[in-house]
C-alpha atoms as a PDB file:
ATOM      1  CA  MET A   1     145.758-146.822   9.245  1.00  0.00           C
ATOM      2  CA  ARG A   2     143.576-149.783  10.094  1.00  0.00           C
ATOM      3  CA  PRO A   3     140.339-147.805  10.511  1.00  0.00           C
ATOM      4  CA  SER A   4     141.025-145.924   7.283  1.00  0.00           C
ATOM      5  CA  TYR A   5     141.831-149.148   5.389  1.00  0.00           C
ATOM      6  CA  TRP A   6     138.780-150.859   6.859  1.00  0.00           C
ATOM      7  CA  THR A   7     136.574-147.899   5.869  1.00  0.00           C
ATOM      8  CA  SER A   8     137.933-147.906   2.318  1.00  0.00           C
ATOM      9  CA  THR A   9     137.434-151.644   1.911  1.00  0.00           C
ATOM     10  CA  HIS A  10     133.964-151.441   3.404  1.00  0.00           C
ATOM     11  CA  SER A  11     133.062-148.647   0.988  1.00  0.00           C
ATOM     12  CA  ARG A  12     134.243-150.687  -1.991  1.00  0.00           C
ATOM     13  CA  VAL A  13     132.170-153.665  -0.851  1.00  0.00           C
ATOM     14  CA  LEU A  14     129.121-151.494  -0.396  1.00  0.00           C
ATOM     15  CA  LEU A  15     129.662-149.986  -3.865  1.00  0.00           C
ATOM     16  CA  LYS A  16     129.949-153.437  -5.440  1.00  0.00           C
ATOM     17  CA  MET A  17     126.807-154.593  -3.668  1.00  0.00           C
ATOM     18  CA  LYS A  18     125.007-151.488  -4.861  1.00  0.00           C
ATOM     19  CA  TRP A  19     126.016-152.172  -8.456  1.00  0.00           C
ATOM     20  CA  LEU A  20     125.064-155.844  -8.127  1.00  0.00           C
ATOM     21  CA  LYS A  21     121.645-154.858  -6.836  1.00  0.00           C
ATOM     22  CA  ARG A  22     121.230-152.471  -9.757  1.00  0.00           C
ATOM     23  CA  LEU A  23     122.344-155.161 -12.202  1.00  0.00           C
ATOM     24  CA  LEU A  24     120.004-157.707 -10.665  1.00  0.00           C
ATOM     25  CA  GLY A  25     117.170-155.186 -10.737  1.00  0.00           C
ATOM     26  CA  GLY A  26     117.903-154.460 -14.389  1.00  0.00           C
ATOM     27  CA  VAL A  27     117.920-158.161 -15.285  1.00  0.00           C
ATOM     28  CA  LEU A  28     114.666-158.751 -13.421  1.00  0.00           C
ATOM     29  CA  GLY A  29     113.173-155.720 -15.130  1.00  0.00           C
ATOM     30  CA  LEU A  30     114.172-157.039 -18.568  1.00  0.00           C
ATOM     31  CA  LEU A  31     112.736-160.475 -17.706  1.00  0.00           C
ATOM     32  CA  ALA A  32     109.495-158.850 -16.597  1.00  0.00           C
ATOM     33  CA  ILE A  33     109.306-156.885 -19.855  1.00  0.00           C
ATOM     34  CA  LEU A  34     110.038-160.069 -21.823  1.00  0.00           C
ATOM     35  CA  TRP A  35     107.361-161.961 -19.857  1.00  0.00           C
ATOM     36  CA  VAL A  36     104.774-159.271 -20.534  1.00  0.00           C
ATOM     37  CA  GLY A  37     105.765-159.341 -24.207  1.00  0.00           C
ATOM     38  CA  LEU A  38     105.273-163.101 -24.346  1.00  0.00           C
ATOM     39  CA  VAL A  39     101.857-162.828 -22.706  1.00  0.00           C
ATOM     40  CA  ILE A  40     100.848-160.116 -25.177  1.00  0.00           C
ATOM     41  CA  TYR A  41     102.050-162.267 -28.085  1.00  0.00           C
ATOM     42  CA  ALA A  42     100.247-165.330 -26.735  1.00  0.00           C
ATOM     43  CA  TYR A  43      96.920-163.514 -26.533  1.00  0.00           C
ATOM     44  CA  TRP A  44      97.319-161.243 -29.545  1.00  0.00           C
ATOM     45  CA  PRO A  45      94.534-162.075 -32.027  1.00  0.00           C
ATOM     46  CA  THR A  46      95.575-164.607 -34.657  1.00  0.00           C
ATOM     47  CA  GLY A  47      93.287-163.168 -37.298  1.00  0.00           C
ATOM     48  CA  VAL A  48      91.777-166.630 -37.805  1.00  0.00           C
ATOM     49  CA  ASP A  49      88.049-166.945 -37.257  1.00  0.00           C
ATOM     50  CA  GLU A  50      87.201-170.227 -35.547  1.00  0.00           C
ATOM     51  CA  VAL A  51      84.113-171.895 -37.017  1.00  0.00           C
ATOM     52  CA  PRO A  52      82.261-175.185 -36.400  1.00  0.00           C
ATOM     53  CA  ALA A  53      84.194-178.084 -37.923  1.00  0.00           C
ATOM     54  CA  VAL A  54      81.218-179.149 -40.047  1.00  0.00           C
ATOM     55  CA  ASN A  55      81.591-175.863 -41.938  1.00  0.00           C
ATOM     56  CA  LEU A  56      85.083-176.977 -43.016  1.00  0.00           C
ATOM     57  CA  ALA A  57      84.252-180.611 -43.755  1.00  0.00           C
ATOM     58  CA  GLY A  58      84.512-182.125 -47.220  1.00  0.00           C
ATOM     59  CA  PRO A  59      82.203-184.609 -48.945  1.00  0.00           C
ATOM     60  CA  THR A  60      84.090-187.665 -47.627  1.00  0.00           C
ATOM     61  CA  ASP A  61      84.176-186.489 -44.005  1.00  0.00           C
ATOM     62  CA  ARG A  62      81.936-188.128 -41.435  1.00  0.00           C
ATOM     63  CA  PHE A  63      81.450-187.390 -37.754  1.00  0.00           C
ATOM     64  CA  VAL A  64      80.560-189.632 -34.833  1.00  0.00           C
ATOM     65  CA  ASN A  65      79.858-188.593 -31.253  1.00  0.00           C
ATOM     66  CA  VAL A  66      81.932-190.520 -28.721  1.00  0.00           C
ATOM     67  CA  ASP A  67      81.373-189.677 -25.052  1.00  0.00           C
ATOM     68  CA  GLY A  68      80.202-186.204 -26.003  1.00  0.00           C
ATOM     69  CA  VAL A  69      83.112-185.500 -28.382  1.00  0.00           C
ATOM     70  CA  ASN A  70      82.528-185.258 -32.134  1.00  0.00           C
ATOM     71  CA  ILE A  71      85.222-187.206 -33.967  1.00  0.00           C
ATOM     72  CA  ARG A  72      85.850-186.853 -37.680  1.00  0.00           C
ATOM     73  CA  TYR A  73      86.631-189.947 -39.744  1.00  0.00           C
ATOM     74  CA  GLN A  74      86.863-191.160 -43.328  1.00  0.00           C
ATOM     75  CA  THR A  75      86.519-194.640 -44.787  1.00  0.00           C
ATOM     76  CA  TRP A  76      87.864-196.538 -47.782  1.00  0.00           C
ATOM     77  CA  GLY A  77      86.545-199.847 -49.122  1.00  0.00           C
ATOM     78  CA  THR A  78      83.572-201.753 -47.740  1.00  0.00           C
ATOM     79  CA  PRO A  79      83.159-203.964 -44.664  1.00  0.00           C
ATOM     80  CA  ALA A  80      83.130-207.708 -45.346  1.00  0.00           C
ATOM     81  CA  ALA A  81      83.267-210.860 -43.253  1.00  0.00           C
ATOM     82  CA  ASP A  82      86.637-211.854 -44.738  1.00  0.00           C
ATOM     83  CA  LYS A  83      88.175-208.391 -44.300  1.00  0.00           C
ATOM     84  CA  PRO A  84      89.780-206.945 -41.204  1.00  0.00           C
ATOM     85  CA  THR A  85      89.177-203.292 -40.353  1.00  0.00           C
ATOM     86  CA  ALA A  86      92.264-201.083 -40.447  1.00  0.00           C
ATOM     87  CA  LEU A  87      91.748-198.302 -37.904  1.00  0.00           C
ATOM     88  CA  LEU A  88      94.461-195.691 -38.495  1.00  0.00           C
ATOM     89  CA  LEU A  89      95.694-193.168 -35.900  1.00  0.00           C
ATOM     90  CA  HIS A  90      97.823-190.181 -36.933  1.00  0.00           C
ATOM     91  CA  GLY A  91     100.759-188.568 -35.142  1.00  0.00           C
ATOM     92  CA  PHE A  92     101.062-185.357 -33.133  1.00  0.00           C
ATOM     93  CA  GLY A  93     100.027-182.138 -34.852  1.00  0.00           C
ATOM     94  CA  ASN A  94      98.632-184.061 -37.800  1.00  0.00           C
ATOM     95  CA  SER A  95      95.293-185.462 -38.923  1.00  0.00           C
ATOM     96  CA  LEU A  96      93.855-188.353 -40.877  1.00  0.00           C
ATOM     97  CA  GLN A  97      95.238-186.690 -44.024  1.00  0.00           C
ATOM     98  CA  SER A  98      98.593-188.352 -43.240  1.00  0.00           C
ATOM     99  CA  PHE A  99      97.015-191.631 -44.465  1.00  0.00           C
ATOM    100  CA  ARG A 100      95.712-190.175 -47.752  1.00  0.00           C
ATOM    101  CA  LEU A 101      98.320-192.140 -49.773  1.00  0.00           C
ATOM    102  CA  LEU A 102      98.235-195.389 -47.783  1.00  0.00           C
ATOM    103  CA  ALA A 103      94.501-195.855 -47.144  1.00  0.00           C
ATOM    104  CA  PRO A 104      93.415-196.324 -50.801  1.00  0.00           C
ATOM    105  CA  LEU A 105      96.134-198.989 -51.232  1.00  0.00           C
ATOM    106  CA  LEU A 106      94.677-200.989 -48.340  1.00  0.00           C
ATOM    107  CA  ALA A 107      91.030-200.853 -49.414  1.00  0.00           C
ATOM    108  CA  ASP A 108      91.046-204.120 -51.366  1.00  0.00           C
ATOM    109  CA  ARG A 109      92.211-206.122 -48.321  1.00  0.00           C
ATOM    110  CA  TYR A 110      90.863-203.997 -45.454  1.00  0.00           C
ATOM    111  CA  TYR A 111      87.887-201.884 -44.607  1.00  0.00           C
ATOM    112  CA  VAL A 112      89.830-198.734 -43.743  1.00  0.00           C
ATOM    113  CA  VAL A 113      88.805-196.172 -41.131  1.00  0.00           C
ATOM    114  CA  ALA A 114      91.065-193.191 -40.394  1.00  0.00           C
ATOM    115  CA  ILE A 115      90.182-190.719 -37.660  1.00  0.00           C
ATOM    116  CA  ASP A 116      91.170-187.339 -36.273  1.00  0.00           C
ATOM    117  CA  MET A 117      91.794-187.942 -32.593  1.00  0.00           C
ATOM    118  CA  PRO A 118      90.225-185.449 -30.165  1.00  0.00           C
ATOM    119  CA  GLY A 119      92.145-182.173 -30.320  1.00  0.00           C
ATOM    120  CA  PHE A 120      93.332-182.697 -33.898  1.00  0.00           C
ATOM    121  CA  GLY A 121      92.080-182.088 -37.424  1.00  0.00           C
ATOM    122  CA  LEU A 122      88.343-181.467 -37.555  1.00  0.00           C
ATOM    123  CA  SER A 123      87.520-183.364 -34.378  1.00  0.00           C
ATOM    124  CA  ASP A 124      86.344-181.474 -31.293  1.00  0.00           C
ATOM    125  CA  LYS A 125      88.954-179.717 -29.175  1.00  0.00           C
ATOM    126  CA  PRO A 126      87.372-179.469 -25.731  1.00  0.00           C
ATOM    127  CA  ALA A 127      89.034-177.685 -22.826  1.00  0.00           C
ATOM    128  CA  PRO A 128      89.489-178.727 -20.163  1.00  0.00           C
ATOM    129  CA  PHE A 129      90.079-182.265 -21.409  1.00  0.00           C
ATOM    130  CA  ASP A 130      92.498-185.115 -20.749  1.00  0.00           C
ATOM    131  CA  TYR A 131      94.621-185.343 -23.912  1.00  0.00           C
ATOM    132  CA  LYS A 132      97.130-187.837 -22.547  1.00  0.00           C
ATOM    133  CA  ASN A 133      97.684-191.176 -24.274  1.00  0.00           C
ATOM    134  CA  ALA A 134      95.680-193.296 -21.829  1.00  0.00           C
ATOM    135  CA  HIS A 135      92.521-191.244 -22.287  1.00  0.00           C
ATOM    136  CA  GLN A 136      93.003-190.950 -26.055  1.00  0.00           C
ATOM    137  CA  ALA A 137      93.149-194.758 -26.137  1.00  0.00           C
ATOM    138  CA  GLU A 138      89.908-194.921 -24.151  1.00  0.00           C
ATOM    139  CA  MET A 139      88.257-192.624 -26.691  1.00  0.00           C
ATOM    140  CA  VAL A 140      89.476-194.758 -29.602  1.00  0.00           C
ATOM    141  CA  SER A 141      88.270-197.946 -27.901  1.00  0.00           C
ATOM    142  CA  ALA A 142      84.868-196.330 -27.361  1.00  0.00           C
ATOM    143  CA  LEU A 143      84.806-195.305 -31.034  1.00  0.00           C
ATOM    144  CA  ILE A 144      85.387-198.931 -32.046  1.00  0.00           C
ATOM    145  CA  LYS A 145      82.259-199.890 -30.103  1.00  0.00           C
ATOM    146  CA  THR A 146      80.235-196.934 -31.351  1.00  0.00           C
ATOM    147  CA  LEU A 147      81.006-197.708 -35.005  1.00  0.00           C
ATOM    148  CA  ASP A 148      80.637-201.455 -34.326  1.00  0.00           C
ATOM    149  CA  LEU A 149      83.968-202.235 -35.986  1.00  0.00           C
ATOM    150  CA  LYS A 150      84.926-205.900 -36.281  1.00  0.00           C
ATOM    151  CA  ASN A 151      88.291-207.682 -36.526  1.00  0.00           C
ATOM    152  CA  VAL A 152      90.217-204.464 -35.981  1.00  0.00           C
ATOM    153  CA  VAL A 153      93.859-204.049 -36.918  1.00  0.00           C
ATOM    154  CA  VAL A 154      94.740-200.810 -35.147  1.00  0.00           C
ATOM    155  CA  GLY A 155      97.573-198.940 -36.801  1.00  0.00           C
ATOM    156  CA  GLY A 156      99.320-195.823 -35.594  1.00  0.00           C
ATOM    157  CA  HIS A 157     102.076-193.486 -36.705  1.00  0.00           C
ATOM    158  CA  SER A 158     104.364-191.720 -34.214  1.00  0.00           C
ATOM    159  CA  LEU A 159     102.155-190.570 -31.290  1.00  0.00           C
ATOM    160  CA  GLY A 160      99.360-192.633 -32.840  1.00  0.00           C
ATOM    161  CA  GLY A 161     101.553-195.737 -32.560  1.00  0.00           C
ATOM    162  CA  ALA A 162     101.805-195.366 -28.789  1.00  0.00           C
ATOM    163  CA  ILE A 163      98.051-194.860 -28.528  1.00  0.00           C
ATOM    164  CA  ALA A 164      97.411-197.804 -30.876  1.00  0.00           C
ATOM    165  CA  ALA A 165      99.432-200.073 -28.560  1.00  0.00           C
ATOM    166  CA  ARG A 166      97.199-199.060 -25.657  1.00  0.00           C
ATOM    167  CA  VAL A 167      94.078-199.689 -27.751  1.00  0.00           C
ATOM    168  CA  ALA A 168      95.369-203.161 -28.653  1.00  0.00           C
ATOM    169  CA  LEU A 169      95.705-203.885 -24.930  1.00  0.00           C
ATOM    170  CA  LYS A 170      92.308-202.469 -24.063  1.00  0.00           C
ATOM    171  CA  SER A 171      89.895-203.358 -26.850  1.00  0.00           C
ATOM    172  CA  PRO A 172      88.729-206.967 -27.371  1.00  0.00           C
ATOM    173  CA  GLN A 173      87.803-206.153 -30.972  1.00  0.00           C
ATOM    174  CA  VAL A 174      91.480-205.697 -31.880  1.00  0.00           C
ATOM    175  CA  ILE A 175      93.132-208.667 -33.579  1.00  0.00           C
ATOM    176  CA  GLY A 176      96.382-207.007 -34.636  1.00  0.00           C
ATOM    177  CA  LEU A 177      98.629-203.987 -34.094  1.00  0.00           C
ATOM    178  CA  VAL A 178     100.640-202.036 -36.681  1.00  0.00           C
ATOM    179  CA  VAL A 179     103.083-199.337 -35.555  1.00  0.00           C
ATOM    180  CA  MET A 180     104.867-196.941 -37.908  1.00  0.00           C
ATOM    181  CA  ASN A 181     107.912-195.214 -36.359  1.00  0.00           C
ATOM    182  CA  PRO A 182     105.916-195.065 -33.123  1.00  0.00           C
ATOM    183  CA  GLY A 183     106.450-192.785 -30.140  1.00  0.00           C
ATOM    184  CA  ILE A 184     106.606-195.712 -27.729  1.00  0.00           C
ATOM    185  CA  ILE A 185     110.230-195.474 -26.596  1.00  0.00           C
ATOM    186  CA  ASN A 186     110.989-191.912 -27.654  1.00  0.00           C
ATOM    187  CA  SER A 187     108.108-189.498 -28.156  1.00  0.00           C
ATOM    188  CA  GLY A 188     110.211-187.169 -30.289  1.00  0.00           C
ATOM    189  CA  VAL A 189     109.014-184.225 -28.162  1.00  0.00           C
ATOM    190  CA  PRO A 190     111.853-182.279 -26.445  1.00  0.00           C
ATOM    191  CA  ALA A 191     111.900-182.974 -22.702  1.00  0.00           C
ATOM    192  CA  ILE A 192     111.777-179.235 -22.018  1.00  0.00           C
ATOM    193  CA  ALA A 193     108.109-179.400 -23.029  1.00  0.00           C
ATOM    194  CA  LYS A 194     107.275-180.857 -19.615  1.00  0.00           C
ATOM    195  CA  TYR A 195     108.416-177.624 -17.967  1.00  0.00           C
ATOM    196  CA  LEU A 196     106.357-175.257 -20.102  1.00  0.00           C
ATOM    197  CA  VAL A 197     104.279-172.947 -17.935  1.00  0.00           C
ATOM    198  CA  PHE A 198     102.013-170.015 -18.704  1.00  0.00           C
ATOM    199  CA  PRO A 199     102.024-168.566 -21.320  1.00  0.00           C
ATOM    200  CA  PHE A 200     104.188-171.058 -23.246  1.00  0.00           C
ATOM    201  CA  PRO A 201     101.499-173.722 -23.912  1.00  0.00           C
ATOM    202  CA  ARG A 202      99.388-171.045 -25.601  1.00  0.00           C
ATOM    203  CA  ILE A 203     102.402-169.801 -27.572  1.00  0.00           C
ATOM    204  CA  GLN A 204     103.020-173.370 -28.764  1.00  0.00           C
ATOM    205  CA  ALA A 205      99.379-173.676 -29.768  1.00  0.00           C
ATOM    206  CA  LYS A 206      99.600-170.390 -31.648  1.00  0.00           C
ATOM    207  CA  LEU A 207     102.749-171.484 -33.491  1.00  0.00           C
ATOM    208  CA  PHE A 208     101.209-174.802 -34.546  1.00  0.00           C
ATOM    209  CA  GLY A 209      98.196-172.876 -35.811  1.00  0.00           C
ATOM    210  CA  ASP A 210     100.389-170.708 -38.025  1.00  0.00           C
ATOM    211  CA  ARG A 211     100.398-172.123 -41.542  1.00  0.00           C
ATOM    212  CA  GLU A 212     103.950-171.050 -42.410  1.00  0.00           C
ATOM    213  CA  PHE A 213     105.406-172.443 -39.179  1.00  0.00           C
ATOM    214  CA  ARG A 214     103.464-175.684 -39.585  1.00  0.00           C
ATOM    215  CA  SER A 215     104.625-176.026 -43.182  1.00  0.00           C
ATOM    216  CA  ARG A 216     108.314-175.588 -42.280  1.00  0.00           C
ATOM    217  CA  PHE A 217     108.010-177.876 -39.259  1.00  0.00           C
ATOM    218  CA  LEU A 218     106.403-180.659 -41.308  1.00  0.00           C
ATOM    219  CA  ARG A 219     108.693-180.372 -44.340  1.00  0.00           C
ATOM    220  CA  ASN A 220     111.745-180.624 -42.083  1.00  0.00           C
ATOM    221  CA  SER A 221     110.481-184.027 -40.943  1.00  0.00           C
ATOM    222  CA  PHE A 222     110.480-185.494 -44.451  1.00  0.00           C
ATOM    223  CA  ILE A 223     113.380-186.920 -46.427  1.00  0.00           C
ATOM    224  CA  ASN A 224     111.416-185.818 -49.493  1.00  0.00           C
ATOM    225  CA  PRO A 225     109.752-182.526 -48.474  1.00  0.00           C
ATOM    226  CA  ALA A 226     108.034-182.275 -51.876  1.00  0.00           C
ATOM    227  CA  ILE A 227     105.444-184.694 -50.481  1.00  0.00           C
ATOM    228  CA  VAL A 228     104.202-181.839 -48.290  1.00  0.00           C
ATOM    229  CA  THR A 229     102.346-180.034 -51.060  1.00  0.00           C
ATOM    230  CA  ASP A 230     100.405-176.787 -50.753  1.00  0.00           C
ATOM    231  CA  ASP A 231      97.225-178.881 -50.666  1.00  0.00           C
ATOM    232  CA  VAL A 232      98.562-180.819 -47.670  1.00  0.00           C
ATOM    233  CA  VAL A 233      99.403-177.571 -45.867  1.00  0.00           C
ATOM    234  CA  ARG A 234      95.953-176.137 -46.631  1.00  0.00           C
ATOM    235  CA  ASP A 235      94.294-179.317 -45.375  1.00  0.00           C
ATOM    236  CA  LEU A 236      96.229-179.213 -42.104  1.00  0.00           C
ATOM    237  CA  GLY A 237      95.523-175.492 -41.857  1.00  0.00           C
ATOM    238  CA  ARG A 238      91.853-176.266 -41.335  1.00  0.00           C
ATOM    239  CA  THR A 239      92.733-177.512 -37.845  1.00  0.00           C
ATOM    240  CA  ALA A 240      93.431-173.980 -36.598  1.00  0.00           C
ATOM    241  CA  GLN A 241      90.170-172.743 -38.104  1.00  0.00           C
ATOM    242  CA  THR A 242      87.992-175.079 -36.062  1.00  0.00           C
ATOM    243  CA  GLU A 243      85.957-173.931 -33.114  1.00  0.00           C
ATOM    244  CA  GLY A 244      87.879-174.222 -29.846  1.00  0.00           C
ATOM    245  CA  TYR A 245      91.305-174.636 -31.448  1.00  0.00           C
ATOM    246  CA  MET A 246      93.253-172.173 -29.293  1.00  0.00           C
ATOM    247  CA  SER A 247      91.739-173.229 -25.975  1.00  0.00           C
ATOM    248  CA  GLY A 248      91.880-176.956 -26.766  1.00  0.00           C
ATOM    249  CA  MET A 249      95.412-176.941 -28.168  1.00  0.00           C
ATOM    250  CA  THR A 250      96.639-174.793 -25.282  1.00  0.00           C
ATOM    251  CA  SER A 251      95.225-177.379 -22.889  1.00  0.00           C
ATOM    252  CA  MET A 252      96.938-180.178 -24.832  1.00  0.00           C
ATOM    253  CA  MET A 253     100.309-178.409 -24.947  1.00  0.00           C
ATOM    254  CA  GLY A 254     100.284-178.199 -21.163  1.00  0.00           C
ATOM    255  CA  GLN A 255      99.865-181.970 -20.724  1.00  0.00           C
ATOM    256  CA  TYR A 256     103.271-183.335 -21.730  1.00  0.00           C
ATOM    257  CA  SER A 257     104.211-186.706 -20.260  1.00  0.00           C
ATOM    258  CA  GLU A 258     107.037-189.168 -20.864  1.00  0.00           C
ATOM    259  CA  PRO A 259     106.199-192.273 -22.951  1.00  0.00           C
ATOM    260  CA  ASP A 260     105.398-195.194 -20.673  1.00  0.00           C
ATOM    261  CA  GLU A 261     104.015-197.730 -23.155  1.00  0.00           C
ATOM    262  CA  LEU A 262     107.222-199.810 -23.413  1.00  0.00           C
ATOM    263  CA  ALA A 263     106.593-201.539 -20.075  1.00  0.00           C
ATOM    264  CA  MET A 264     103.089-202.485 -21.248  1.00  0.00           C
ATOM    265  CA  LEU A 265     104.172-204.268 -24.429  1.00  0.00           C
ATOM    266  CA  PRO A 266     104.847-207.707 -22.882  1.00  0.00           C
ATOM    267  CA  ARG A 267     101.123-207.876 -22.013  1.00  0.00           C
ATOM    268  CA  LEU A 268     100.107-207.743 -25.683  1.00  0.00           C
ATOM    269  CA  THR A 269      98.503-210.946 -26.918  1.00  0.00           C
ATOM    270  CA  VAL A 270      97.752-209.967 -30.517  1.00  0.00           C
ATOM    271  CA  PRO A 271     100.285-210.175 -33.383  1.00  0.00           C
ATOM    272  CA  SER A 272     102.062-206.960 -34.272  1.00  0.00           C
ATOM    273  CA  LEU A 273     103.815-205.431 -37.259  1.00  0.00           C
ATOM    274  CA  ILE A 274     106.520-202.760 -37.168  1.00  0.00           C
ATOM    275  CA  VAL A 275     107.011-200.609 -40.268  1.00  0.00           C
ATOM    276  CA  TRP A 276     110.069-198.416 -39.783  1.00  0.00           C
ATOM    277  CA  GLY A 277     111.563-195.649 -41.905  1.00  0.00           C
ATOM    278  CA  GLN A 278     115.319-196.065 -41.428  1.00  0.00           C
ATOM    279  CA  LEU A 279     116.188-192.401 -42.175  1.00  0.00           C
ATOM    280  CA  ASP A 280     114.113-191.024 -39.289  1.00  0.00           C
ATOM    281  CA  ARG A 281     116.097-188.027 -37.958  1.00  0.00           C
ATOM    282  CA  ASN A 282     114.697-188.325 -34.423  1.00  0.00           C
ATOM    283  CA  LYS A 283     114.596-192.094 -33.991  1.00  0.00           C
ATOM    284  CA  THR A 284     117.634-194.357 -34.018  1.00  0.00           C
ATOM    285  CA  MET A 285     118.117-197.912 -35.195  1.00  0.00           C
ATOM    286  CA  ALA A 286     118.744-198.821 -31.554  1.00  0.00           C
ATOM    287  CA  GLU A 287     115.170-197.760 -30.826  1.00  0.00           C
ATOM    288  CA  PHE A 288     113.965-199.953 -33.701  1.00  0.00           C
ATOM    289  CA  GLU A 289     115.868-202.953 -32.303  1.00  0.00           C
ATOM    290  CA  GLU A 290     114.570-202.331 -28.770  1.00  0.00           C
ATOM    291  CA  LEU A 291     111.020-202.169 -30.083  1.00  0.00           C
ATOM    292  CA  LYS A 292     111.434-205.469 -31.928  1.00  0.00           C
ATOM    293  CA  ALA A 293     112.804-207.080 -28.793  1.00  0.00           C
ATOM    294  CA  ASN A 294     109.891-205.939 -26.653  1.00  0.00           C
ATOM    295  CA  LEU A 295     106.901-206.410 -28.968  1.00  0.00           C
ATOM    296  CA  PRO A 296     105.585-209.970 -28.621  1.00  0.00           C
ATOM    297  CA  ARG A 297     104.666-211.911 -31.773  1.00  0.00           C
ATOM    298  CA  SER A 298     106.050-209.137 -33.944  1.00  0.00           C
ATOM    299  CA  THR A 299     107.356-208.969 -37.479  1.00  0.00           C
ATOM    300  CA  ALA A 300     109.207-205.930 -38.804  1.00  0.00           C
ATOM    301  CA  MET A 301     109.846-204.250 -42.122  1.00  0.00           C
ATOM    302  CA  LEU A 302     112.665-201.725 -42.435  1.00  0.00           C
ATOM    303  CA  VAL A 303     112.285-199.160 -45.231  1.00  0.00           C
ATOM    304  CA  PRO A 304     115.778-197.811 -46.029  1.00  0.00           C
ATOM    305  CA  THR A 305     114.586-194.917 -48.214  1.00  0.00           C
ATOM    306  CA  SER A 306     112.044-193.409 -45.803  1.00  0.00           C
ATOM    307  CA  GLY A 307     112.195-191.121 -42.813  1.00  0.00           C
ATOM    308  CA  HIS A 308     109.732-190.602 -39.990  1.00  0.00           C
ATOM    309  CA  TYR A 309     106.619-190.445 -42.185  1.00  0.00           C
ATOM    310  CA  VAL A 310     106.974-193.948 -43.590  1.00  0.00           C
ATOM    311  CA  GLN A 311     103.267-194.209 -44.496  1.00  0.00           C
ATOM    312  CA  GLU A 312     103.660-191.163 -46.763  1.00  0.00           C
ATOM    313  CA  GLU A 313     107.192-191.643 -48.081  1.00  0.00           C
ATOM    314  CA  ALA A 314     106.758-195.375 -48.687  1.00  0.00           C
ATOM    315  CA  PRO A 315     102.992-196.033 -48.927  1.00  0.00           C
ATOM    316  CA  ALA A 316     103.336-198.926 -51.373  1.00  0.00           C
ATOM    317  CA  GLU A 317     105.863-200.779 -49.194  1.00  0.00           C
ATOM    318  CA  THR A 318     103.746-200.137 -46.098  1.00  0.00           C
ATOM    319  CA  ALA A 319     100.638-201.444 -47.881  1.00  0.00           C
ATOM    320  CA  VAL A 320     102.413-204.638 -48.987  1.00  0.00           C
ATOM    321  CA  ALA A 321     103.491-205.317 -45.398  1.00  0.00           C
ATOM    322  CA  MET A 322      99.967-204.679 -44.113  1.00  0.00           C
ATOM    323  CA  HIS A 323      98.417-206.933 -46.773  1.00  0.00           C
ATOM    324  CA  GLY A 324     100.590-209.816 -45.597  1.00  0.00           C
ATOM    325  CA  PHE A 325      99.745-208.975 -41.994  1.00  0.00           C
ATOM    326  CA  ALA A 326      96.001-209.186 -42.759  1.00  0.00           C
ATOM    327  CA  ASP A 327      96.440-212.784 -43.907  1.00  0.00           C
ATOM    328  CA  ARG A 328      98.290-213.545 -40.679  1.00  0.00           C
ATOM    329  CA  VAL A 329      95.744-212.115 -38.236  1.00  0.00           C
ATOM    330  CA  MET A 330      92.362-212.871 -39.806  1.00  0.00           C
ATOM    331  CA  PRO A 331      90.613-215.799 -38.100  1.00  0.00           C
ATOM    332  CA  LEU A 332      90.096-218.868 -40.287  1.00  0.00           C
END
């Protein structure tokens, strides 16, 4: 009885192990097929011909070479001894077009310069390249010197706000800092992004280059999505048409890092202004309060009707706050 029972039990165990091995092999096979499919999708032609950025530039676009990287910028107003320079930095996946409504409202009190940071808009998208915040801030600081900008109030939205804070710490030409729903405490990027490995950075780059995906992604970030017009989508669509887009954006997507600017804020010596859209879906009022508590010499304006893109959903209110800030920071 015992040998027979033992043999029967042993046979059942072996059968179960056999089925488990088959199941595991099937799962691994499906994962391999899925992986190959993702690689094929990542490298499947987009149908977009990449061309030199100058071929896509408009009449108001200018370019300056900073450390071997061509950076696109636009200006509003004229420099003057009694005017500060507002240097505006956009958020992730955007371009200087996000200041199209705000910049003209500032031109009577500021000389306004808005740029596409490296990797965005019509600026160069080199690969390999360090696209992390610290190096982006170095590039912006070098641009300030190259353009010989004076009395700079550096302003940034979202990702640009975190970079602007670094520029304010680094550049002696900066006399003030303006942050608009900045990515200083919370970047707004899902933490899973830090674990993306081949081919996911390229897939992300491909998605952000797709006009329909980009349109839906952007409109979902607005309380009033009607602000994201077809013209805005077409303007942003030029990014994916520029030479080096896929390689440069793939490189950028693989360089996720947690925000670490909060610990740097106590070292700021220049006055600062926070403009905050209260209806931001990804940023809480607790984050707003923490930012106020940690930014030295700061004033804050809360805009109750705006979401994340406060400079687009409330450009007039943002301009009023920045006008008052200019009077505060300009040397007598």
